[in-house]
Amino acid sequence: MDLSLLSSMYQSELSAKYADLVENKWVWFIFALVILAGIVVYAFYCTRMGRQFGFGVKFNWPRMGLMGIKCK
């Protein structure tokens, strides 16, 4: 068999195998966009009410990280 034929067959098999994974990236992108929009709306609400918005991220690698959102 020709090497280019094997290469194209391999590429098509990989594309078929990981087609769901590529589509899954859009789901996570939309999920992250919704979370970010929620944080922005909450920050707008806090500042609109005359309070102060606080956002903090703390990483304690390798055990875990903390993220906090508050309206003070």
C-alpha atoms as a PDB file:
ATOM      1  CA  MET A   1       0.000   0.000   0.000  1.00  0.00           C
ATOM      2  CA  ASP A   2       0.990   3.555  -0.581  1.00  0.00           C
ATOM      3  CA  LEU A   3       2.102   5.604   2.431  1.00  0.00           C
ATOM      4  CA  SER A   4      -0.185   8.527   1.571  1.00  0.00           C
ATOM      5  CA  LEU A   5      -3.159   6.158   1.374  1.00  0.00           C
ATOM      6  CA  LEU A   6      -2.363   4.771   4.825  1.00  0.00           C
ATOM      7  CA  SER A   7      -1.968   8.269   6.169  1.00  0.00           C
ATOM      8  CA  SER A   8      -5.325   9.388   4.803  1.00  0.00           C
ATOM      9  CA  MET A   9      -7.002   6.256   6.179  1.00  0.00           C
ATOM     10  CA  TYR A  10      -5.461   6.915   9.584  1.00  0.00           C
ATOM     11  CA  GLN A  11      -6.623  10.552   9.532  1.00  0.00           C
ATOM     12  CA  SER A  12     -10.174   9.559   8.637  1.00  0.00           C
ATOM     13  CA  GLU A  13     -10.254   6.941  11.420  1.00  0.00           C
ATOM     14  CA  LEU A  14      -9.027   9.501  13.948  1.00  0.00           C
ATOM     15  CA  SER A  15     -11.610  12.021  12.782  1.00  0.00           C
ATOM     16  CA  ALA A  16     -14.393   9.467  13.147  1.00  0.00           C
ATOM     17  CA  LYS A  17     -13.157   8.320  16.563  1.00  0.00           C
ATOM     18  CA  TYR A  18     -12.831  11.799  18.082  1.00  0.00           C
ATOM     19  CA  ALA A  19     -15.782  13.528  16.378  1.00  0.00           C
ATOM     20  CA  ASP A  20     -17.752  13.604  19.639  1.00  0.00           C
ATOM     21  CA  LEU A  21     -14.779  15.030  21.505  1.00  0.00           C
ATOM     22  CA  VAL A  22     -14.479  17.951  19.093  1.00  0.00           C
ATOM     23  CA  GLU A  23     -18.187  18.717  19.469  1.00  0.00           C
ATOM     24  CA  ASN A  24     -17.781  18.506  23.240  1.00  0.00           C
ATOM     25  CA  LYS A  25     -15.402  21.488  23.175  1.00  0.00           C
ATOM     26  CA  TRP A  26     -18.281  23.754  22.125  1.00  0.00           C
ATOM     27  CA  VAL A  27     -20.346  22.598  25.093  1.00  0.00           C
ATOM     28  CA  TRP A  28     -17.589  23.577  27.513  1.00  0.00           C
ATOM     29  CA  PHE A  29     -17.057  26.891  25.743  1.00  0.00           C
ATOM     30  CA  ILE A  30     -20.741  27.771  26.059  1.00  0.00           C
ATOM     31  CA  PHE A  31     -20.753  26.601  29.698  1.00  0.00           C
ATOM     32  CA  ALA A  32     -17.766  28.836  30.529  1.00  0.00           C
ATOM     33  CA  LEU A  33     -19.388  31.748  28.691  1.00  0.00           C
ATOM     34  CA  VAL A  34     -22.599  31.377  30.722  1.00  0.00           C
ATOM     35  CA  ILE A  35     -20.634  31.239  34.006  1.00  0.00           C
ATOM     36  CA  LEU A  36     -18.637  34.330  33.040  1.00  0.00           C
ATOM     37  CA  ALA A  37     -21.812  36.209  32.070  1.00  0.00           C
ATOM     38  CA  GLY A  38     -23.356  35.244  35.427  1.00  0.00           C
ATOM     39  CA  ILE A  39     -20.357  36.648  37.312  1.00  0.00           C
ATOM     40  CA  VAL A  40     -20.541  39.892  35.326  1.00  0.00           C
ATOM     41  CA  VAL A  41     -24.287  40.252  35.968  1.00  0.00           C
ATOM     42  CA  TYR A  42     -23.789  39.560  39.684  1.00  0.00           C
ATOM     43  CA  ALA A  43     -20.977  42.143  39.852  1.00  0.00           C
ATOM     44  CA  PHE A  44     -23.218  44.683  38.117  1.00  0.00           C
ATOM     45  CA  TYR A  45     -26.029  43.924  40.573  1.00  0.00           C
ATOM     46  CA  CYS A  46     -23.723  44.336  43.587  1.00  0.00           C
ATOM     47  CA  THR A  47     -22.306  47.644  42.441  1.00  0.00           C
ATOM     48  CA  ARG A  48     -25.755  48.865  41.441  1.00  0.00           C
ATOM     49  CA  MET A  49     -27.005  48.228  44.989  1.00  0.00           C
ATOM     50  CA  GLY A  50     -24.169  50.365  46.385  1.00  0.00           C
ATOM     51  CA  ARG A  51     -22.108  47.441  47.619  1.00  0.00           C
ATOM     52  CA  GLN A  52     -18.630  46.320  46.711  1.00  0.00           C
ATOM     53  CA  PHE A  53     -18.030  43.217  44.567  1.00  0.00           C
ATOM     54  CA  GLY A  54     -15.239  40.870  45.596  1.00  0.00           C
ATOM     55  CA  PHE A  55     -13.762  38.035  43.561  1.00  0.00           C
ATOM     56  CA  GLY A  56     -10.867  35.875  44.688  1.00  0.00           C
ATOM     57  CA  VAL A  57      -9.083  32.785  43.443  1.00  0.00           C
ATOM     58  CA  LYS A  58      -6.594  30.882  45.595  1.00  0.00           C
ATOM     59  CA  PHE A  59      -4.678  27.806  44.446  1.00  0.00           C
ATOM     60  CA  ASN A  60      -3.311  25.327  46.976  1.00  0.00           C
ATOM     61  CA  TRP A  61      -1.556  23.045  44.528  1.00  0.00           C
ATOM     62  CA  PRO A  62      -1.772  20.024  44.421  1.00  0.00           C
ATOM     63  CA  ARG A  63      -4.608  19.591  46.900  1.00  0.00           C
ATOM     64  CA  MET A  64      -7.290  21.998  45.726  1.00  0.00           C
ATOM     65  CA  GLY A  65      -8.165  25.578  44.943  1.00  0.00           C
ATOM     66  CA  LEU A  66     -10.728  28.008  46.257  1.00  0.00           C
ATOM     67  CA  MET A  67     -12.788  30.546  44.393  1.00  0.00           C
ATOM     68  CA  GLY A  68     -14.993  33.093  46.064  1.00  0.00           C
ATOM     69  CA  ILE A  69     -17.499  35.654  44.907  1.00  0.00           C
ATOM     70  CA  LYS A  70     -19.070  38.015  47.398  1.00  0.00           C
ATOM     71  CA  CYS A  71     -21.009  41.198  47.730  1.00  0.00           C
ATOM     72  CA  LYS A  72     -19.762  43.286  50.669  1.00  0.00           C
END
